[in-house]
Amino acid sequence: MQENLDSLVINFDTESLWVLNITLAIIMFGVALGISPNDFKRLFKTPKILLTGIISQFILLPLVTFIFIKLVNPMPSIALGMMMVAACPGGNISNFMTQMAKGNAALSVSLTAFATLVSLVMTPFNLHFWGNLYAPTAEILQRIELDPLELVKLVTLILGIPLLLGMLVRKYKATLADKLSKILKPISLIIFMLFIVIAFYDNFDIFINYVHYILILVIAHNILALLTGFYFAKVMKLSHKNQKTLSIETGIQNSGLGLLLIFSFFNGLGGMMLLVAFWAIWDIFSGLVLASYWAKQKVKE
């Protein structure tokens, strides 16, 4: 069964890959429409918060993920899927969840933008570094001959360019940016969720046969990510409001980017795809539950 899952190829065609490419670019563009250079200036005025957020997402989460993998020893393709999730930047829906949780919405937006820029380098680096550090996943990476530079190019195309374009529209056409943002954000997220549902439907038999391999792992991994962000912010003596923000930024990952990279470079490798696709659904659910819980709490500073 393990060999079957590690060699399993998910049903996914070229047209669907293009839809995913365009959808992710539109989502990033929609988020960028609400970002201005002042958001970056605000971050640099509070370097402690900026460093805490970047370290939490791009150093601690991959490290915690690696330790977790060593402890539970999952199938190689599933382990690589967990590394893929940990290597991705925070998900764009984290901004909405932070606002809902009464966190620092301005910080969330700023961190999303800055983390997206950092991810152009750190996402390929983390996947390559941690993947090669673990023998079973290193074998997969060697087999497919993953080129980190090609990863950088794709991440730049899907995240970097839409981010830059969205910010330019915001700077020079603020009124248009507000109107477009209200339309693009909900529509693009709905399209992305429909894409995930359709992908699951086309591979429903595969999901039913193998879901027991990933269910507990995804839930445990997601909880670890949320706790990593929250308690690292606490150790760094950030406010409770910022602790909530860092928890969501670290625990809600851009799984759509992970799926795109899997289909572009790993030929829809079964264990990777199932884990990342289920994460894409689960972290929205867990994030909304956590945000609802925090929304009901009294403000604590």
Protein backbone atom coordinates (compact mmCIF):
# COMPACT_ATOMS: atom_id res chain seq x y z
CA MET A 1 0.00 0.00 0.00
CA GLN A 2 2.82 2.39 0.85
CA GLU A 3 4.51 1.82 -2.48
CA ASN A 4 1.17 2.39 -4.24
CA LEU A 5 0.65 5.75 -2.55
CA ASP A 6 4.21 6.95 -3.16
CA SER A 7 3.92 6.14 -6.86
CA LEU A 8 0.27 7.15 -7.25
CA VAL A 9 -0.44 9.83 -9.86
CA ILE A 10 -3.50 12.04 -9.42
CA ASN A 11 -5.91 12.71 -12.29
CA PHE A 12 -5.10 16.26 -13.37
CA ASP A 13 -4.89 17.74 -16.87
CA THR A 14 -3.03 20.67 -18.41
CA GLU A 15 -6.18 22.81 -18.63
CA SER A 16 -6.76 22.42 -14.87
CA LEU A 17 -3.17 23.45 -14.20
CA TRP A 18 -3.70 26.65 -16.14
CA VAL A 19 -6.87 27.37 -14.17
CA LEU A 20 -4.94 26.91 -10.92
CA ASN A 21 -2.12 29.17 -12.18
CA ILE A 22 -4.51 31.96 -13.11
CA THR A 23 -6.62 31.61 -9.96
CA LEU A 24 -3.61 31.90 -7.63
CA ALA A 25 -2.30 34.90 -9.56
CA ILE A 26 -5.71 36.61 -9.32
CA ILE A 27 -5.95 35.87 -5.57
CA MET A 28 -2.51 37.41 -5.03
CA PHE A 29 -3.39 40.39 -7.22
CA GLY A 30 -6.60 40.90 -5.23
CA VAL A 31 -4.71 40.87 -1.93
CA ALA A 32 -2.05 43.24 -3.31
CA LEU A 33 -4.74 45.76 -4.24
CA GLY A 34 -5.07 46.47 -0.52
CA ILE A 35 -1.32 46.83 0.07
CA SER A 36 0.66 50.06 -0.13
CA PRO A 37 4.35 50.87 0.43
CA ASN A 38 3.29 52.31 3.80
CA ASP A 39 2.50 48.77 4.95
CA PHE A 40 6.14 47.83 4.46
CA LYS A 41 7.30 51.02 6.15
CA ARG A 42 5.11 50.17 9.14
CA LEU A 43 6.74 46.75 9.37
CA PHE A 44 10.27 48.12 9.24
CA LYS A 45 9.41 50.54 12.05
CA THR A 46 8.73 47.48 14.23
CA PRO A 47 11.59 45.13 13.23
CA LYS A 48 10.97 42.84 16.21
CA ILE A 49 7.50 41.93 14.93
CA LEU A 50 8.80 41.56 11.37
CA LEU A 51 11.63 39.22 12.39
CA THR A 52 9.30 37.22 14.64
CA GLY A 53 6.89 36.68 11.77
CA ILE A 54 9.53 35.73 9.22
CA ILE A 55 11.39 33.42 11.60
CA SER A 56 8.14 31.76 12.66
CA GLN A 57 7.02 31.08 9.08
CA PHE A 58 10.24 30.31 7.25
CA ILE A 59 12.57 28.90 9.92
CA LEU A 60 10.63 27.53 12.88
CA LEU A 61 7.72 25.95 10.99
CA PRO A 62 9.99 23.98 8.58
CA LEU A 63 12.15 22.94 11.57
CA VAL A 64 9.15 21.83 13.65
CA THR A 65 7.80 20.00 10.58
CA PHE A 66 11.10 18.18 10.08
CA ILE A 67 11.20 17.09 13.74
CA PHE A 68 7.56 15.93 13.52
CA ILE A 69 8.35 13.90 10.39
CA LYS A 70 11.33 12.26 12.08
CA LEU A 71 9.11 11.30 15.03
CA VAL A 72 6.12 9.89 13.12
CA ASN A 73 8.03 8.59 10.06
CA PRO A 74 5.25 8.96 7.44
CA MET A 75 5.45 7.65 3.87
CA PRO A 76 8.04 9.57 1.81
CA SER A 77 5.54 11.29 -0.50
CA ILE A 78 3.41 12.36 2.49
CA ALA A 79 6.51 13.63 4.32
CA LEU A 80 7.44 15.68 1.25
CA GLY A 81 3.89 17.06 1.17
CA MET A 82 4.28 18.21 4.77
CA MET A 83 7.57 19.89 3.86
CA MET A 84 5.87 21.56 0.91
CA VAL A 85 3.17 23.01 3.16
CA ALA A 86 5.78 24.26 5.65
CA ALA A 87 7.82 25.85 2.86
CA CYS A 88 4.92 27.91 1.50
CA PRO A 89 4.14 31.45 2.73
CA GLY A 90 1.03 32.25 4.73
CA GLY A 91 -2.31 31.89 2.98
CA ASN A 92 -4.11 35.01 1.78
CA ILE A 93 -7.27 34.14 3.73
CA SER A 94 -5.25 34.69 6.91
CA ASN A 95 -6.02 38.43 6.65
CA PHE A 96 -9.75 37.80 6.94
CA MET A 97 -9.28 35.33 9.79
CA THR A 98 -7.03 37.74 11.71
CA GLN A 99 -9.64 40.47 11.48
CA MET A 100 -12.31 38.02 12.60
CA ALA A 101 -10.14 36.94 15.58
CA LYS A 102 -9.67 40.59 16.66
CA GLY A 103 -5.99 40.32 15.86
CA ASN A 104 -3.77 42.92 14.22
CA ALA A 105 -5.29 43.09 10.73
CA ALA A 106 -2.81 45.71 9.49
CA LEU A 107 0.10 43.52 10.64
CA SER A 108 -1.47 40.49 8.95
CA VAL A 109 -1.74 42.25 5.59
CA SER A 110 1.79 43.63 5.87
CA LEU A 111 3.25 40.24 6.83
CA THR A 112 1.38 38.50 4.01
CA ALA A 113 2.92 40.93 1.53
CA PHE A 114 6.43 40.73 2.96
CA ALA A 115 6.28 36.94 3.41
CA THR A 116 5.23 36.64 -0.24
CA LEU A 117 8.37 38.50 -1.29
CA VAL A 118 10.54 36.39 1.03
CA SER A 119 8.91 33.20 -0.28
CA LEU A 120 10.32 33.83 -3.76
CA VAL A 121 13.60 32.60 -2.31
CA MET A 122 12.70 30.80 0.92
CA THR A 123 10.00 28.47 -0.43
CA PRO A 124 12.34 26.80 -2.97
CA PHE A 125 15.20 26.89 -0.44
CA ASN A 126 13.24 25.26 2.39
CA LEU A 127 11.77 22.54 0.19
CA HIS A 128 15.20 21.74 -1.26
CA PHE A 129 17.09 22.00 2.06
CA TRP A 130 14.75 20.04 4.35
CA GLY A 131 13.73 17.60 1.61
CA ASN A 132 17.35 16.62 1.02
CA LEU A 133 18.06 16.40 4.75
CA TYR A 134 15.60 13.50 5.13
CA ALA A 135 16.73 10.39 3.21
CA PRO A 136 13.29 9.12 2.00
CA THR A 137 12.30 12.52 0.58
CA ALA A 138 15.81 13.17 -0.75
CA GLU A 139 15.37 10.08 -2.92
CA ILE A 140 12.21 11.57 -4.47
CA LEU A 141 13.91 14.92 -5.11
CA GLN A 142 16.84 13.19 -6.79
CA ARG A 143 14.52 11.07 -8.89
CA ILE A 144 12.66 14.04 -10.31
CA GLU A 145 15.83 16.21 -10.51
CA LEU A 146 14.16 19.24 -8.92
CA ASP A 147 15.72 22.52 -10.06
CA PRO A 148 15.39 25.19 -7.30
CA LEU A 149 15.82 27.98 -9.89
CA GLU A 150 12.80 26.74 -11.84
CA LEU A 151 10.85 26.81 -8.57
CA VAL A 152 11.93 30.41 -7.99
CA LYS A 153 10.77 31.37 -11.50
CA LEU A 154 7.31 29.86 -11.03
CA VAL A 155 6.79 31.33 -7.55
CA THR A 156 7.87 34.75 -8.88
CA LEU A 157 5.45 34.46 -11.80
CA ILE A 158 2.47 33.39 -9.68
CA LEU A 159 3.06 35.50 -6.54
CA GLY A 160 5.73 38.14 -7.16
CA ILE A 161 4.42 39.73 -10.36
CA PRO A 162 0.74 39.90 -9.26
CA LEU A 163 1.89 41.40 -5.95
CA LEU A 164 3.83 44.12 -7.74
CA LEU A 165 1.02 44.86 -10.22
CA GLY A 166 -1.60 45.03 -7.47
CA MET A 167 0.49 47.46 -5.43
CA LEU A 168 1.05 49.65 -8.49
CA VAL A 169 -2.70 49.81 -9.15
CA ARG A 170 -3.21 50.67 -5.47
CA LYS A 171 -0.65 53.47 -5.64
CA TYR A 172 -1.82 55.14 -8.85
CA LYS A 173 -5.53 54.16 -9.00
CA ALA A 174 -6.67 53.81 -5.39
CA THR A 175 -10.41 54.09 -6.17
CA LEU A 176 -10.16 51.43 -8.89
CA ALA A 177 -8.13 49.22 -6.52
CA ASP A 178 -10.89 49.39 -3.87
CA LYS A 179 -13.56 48.45 -6.40
CA LEU A 180 -11.53 45.61 -7.91
CA SER A 181 -10.55 44.27 -4.49
CA LYS A 182 -14.20 43.93 -3.40
CA ILE A 183 -14.92 41.90 -6.53
CA LEU A 184 -11.75 39.83 -6.90
CA LYS A 185 -11.23 38.62 -3.33
CA PRO A 186 -14.51 36.72 -2.86
CA ILE A 187 -14.73 35.51 -6.46
CA SER A 188 -11.15 34.20 -6.63
CA LEU A 189 -11.47 32.40 -3.29
CA ILE A 190 -14.74 30.78 -4.39
CA ILE A 191 -13.10 29.66 -7.65
CA PHE A 192 -10.17 28.22 -5.69
CA MET A 193 -12.46 26.28 -3.33
CA LEU A 194 -14.45 24.97 -6.31
CA PHE A 195 -11.18 23.91 -7.90
CA ILE A 196 -10.26 21.92 -4.77
CA VAL A 197 -13.72 20.31 -4.61
CA ILE A 198 -13.60 19.32 -8.29
CA ALA A 199 -10.07 17.92 -7.89
CA PHE A 200 -11.30 15.81 -4.97
CA TYR A 201 -14.37 14.69 -6.95
CA ASP A 202 -12.24 13.57 -9.91
CA ASN A 203 -10.05 11.58 -7.51
CA PHE A 204 -12.70 10.60 -4.96
CA ASP A 205 -11.91 6.87 -5.00
CA ILE A 206 -8.23 7.61 -4.38
CA PHE A 207 -9.08 9.97 -1.51
CA ILE A 208 -11.40 7.44 0.19
CA ASN A 209 -8.79 4.68 -0.11
CA TYR A 210 -5.96 6.73 1.36
CA VAL A 211 -7.55 9.41 3.58
CA HIS A 212 -6.68 7.47 6.75
CA TYR A 213 -2.98 8.01 5.97
CA ILE A 214 -3.25 11.79 5.99
CA LEU A 215 -6.20 12.78 8.20
CA ILE A 216 -4.49 12.75 11.62
CA LEU A 217 -1.20 13.99 10.17
CA VAL A 218 -2.78 17.08 8.62
CA ILE A 219 -4.73 17.94 11.78
CA ALA A 220 -1.69 17.44 14.04
CA HIS A 221 0.62 19.33 11.68
CA ASN A 222 -1.80 22.25 11.44
CA ILE A 223 -2.17 22.44 15.23
CA LEU A 224 1.63 22.44 15.57
CA ALA A 225 1.87 25.30 13.08
CA LEU A 226 -0.73 27.39 14.92
CA LEU A 227 0.97 26.73 18.27
CA THR A 228 4.41 27.53 16.84
CA GLY A 229 3.31 30.99 15.71
CA PHE A 230 1.41 31.75 18.92
CA TYR A 231 4.03 30.65 21.44
CA PHE A 232 7.02 32.03 19.54
CA ALA A 233 5.26 35.42 19.52
CA LYS A 234 4.65 34.95 23.24
CA VAL A 235 8.31 34.13 23.88
CA MET A 236 9.21 37.29 21.96
CA LYS A 237 6.90 39.20 24.34
CA LEU A 238 4.53 40.47 21.65
CA SER A 239 1.03 41.59 22.63
CA HIS A 240 -1.81 39.05 22.78
CA LYS A 241 -3.28 40.71 19.69
CA ASN A 242 -0.05 40.10 17.79
CA GLN A 243 0.26 36.57 19.20
CA LYS A 244 -3.08 35.73 17.60
CA THR A 245 -1.95 37.32 14.35
CA LEU A 246 1.33 35.38 14.23
CA SER A 247 -0.48 32.14 15.07
CA ILE A 248 -2.82 32.56 12.10
CA GLU A 249 -0.05 33.75 9.77
CA THR A 250 2.02 30.65 10.62
CA GLY A 251 -0.82 28.13 10.73
CA ILE A 252 -2.72 29.16 7.59
CA GLN A 253 -0.47 28.27 4.67
CA ASN A 254 -0.77 29.00 0.95
CA SER A 255 -1.71 25.44 0.04
CA GLY A 256 -2.78 26.52 -3.43
CA LEU A 257 0.83 27.41 -4.21
CA GLY A 258 1.86 24.02 -2.83
CA LEU A 259 -0.59 22.24 -5.15
CA LEU A 260 0.65 24.22 -8.13
CA LEU A 261 4.27 23.29 -7.41
CA ILE A 262 3.32 19.62 -6.96
CA PHE A 263 1.55 19.44 -10.31
CA SER A 264 4.25 21.48 -12.06
CA PHE A 265 7.33 19.67 -10.71
CA PHE A 266 6.19 16.38 -9.12
CA ASN A 267 3.68 15.15 -11.71
CA GLY A 268 0.84 15.10 -9.18
CA LEU A 269 2.67 12.75 -6.80
CA GLY A 270 -0.13 11.01 -4.90
CA GLY A 271 0.88 11.35 -1.24
CA MET A 272 2.00 14.97 -1.69
CA MET A 273 -1.14 16.02 -3.51
CA LEU A 274 -3.56 14.34 -1.09
CA LEU A 275 -1.89 15.84 1.94
CA VAL A 276 -1.61 19.38 0.56
CA ALA A 277 -5.14 19.33 -0.93
CA PHE A 278 -6.64 18.16 2.37
CA TRP A 279 -4.57 20.78 4.21
CA ALA A 280 -6.07 23.43 1.86
CA ILE A 281 -9.54 22.53 3.14
CA TRP A 282 -8.66 21.73 6.75
CA ASP A 283 -6.71 24.89 7.59
CA ILE A 284 -9.62 27.06 6.43
CA PHE A 285 -11.90 25.12 8.78
CA SER A 286 -9.45 25.18 11.71
CA GLY A 287 -8.64 28.86 11.12
CA LEU A 288 -12.30 29.85 11.15
CA VAL A 289 -12.95 27.83 14.32
CA LEU A 290 -9.94 29.40 16.08
CA ALA A 291 -10.84 32.90 14.87
CA SER A 292 -14.43 32.43 16.11
CA TYR A 293 -13.13 31.34 19.52
CA TRP A 294 -10.82 34.35 19.81
CA ALA A 295 -13.59 36.67 18.57
CA LYS A 296 -15.70 35.71 21.59
CA GLN A 297 -12.90 36.35 24.07
CA LYS A 298 -12.56 39.63 25.88
CA VAL A 299 -9.71 41.80 24.63
CA LYS A 300 -6.57 40.85 26.59
CA GLU A 301 -3.47 42.99 26.58
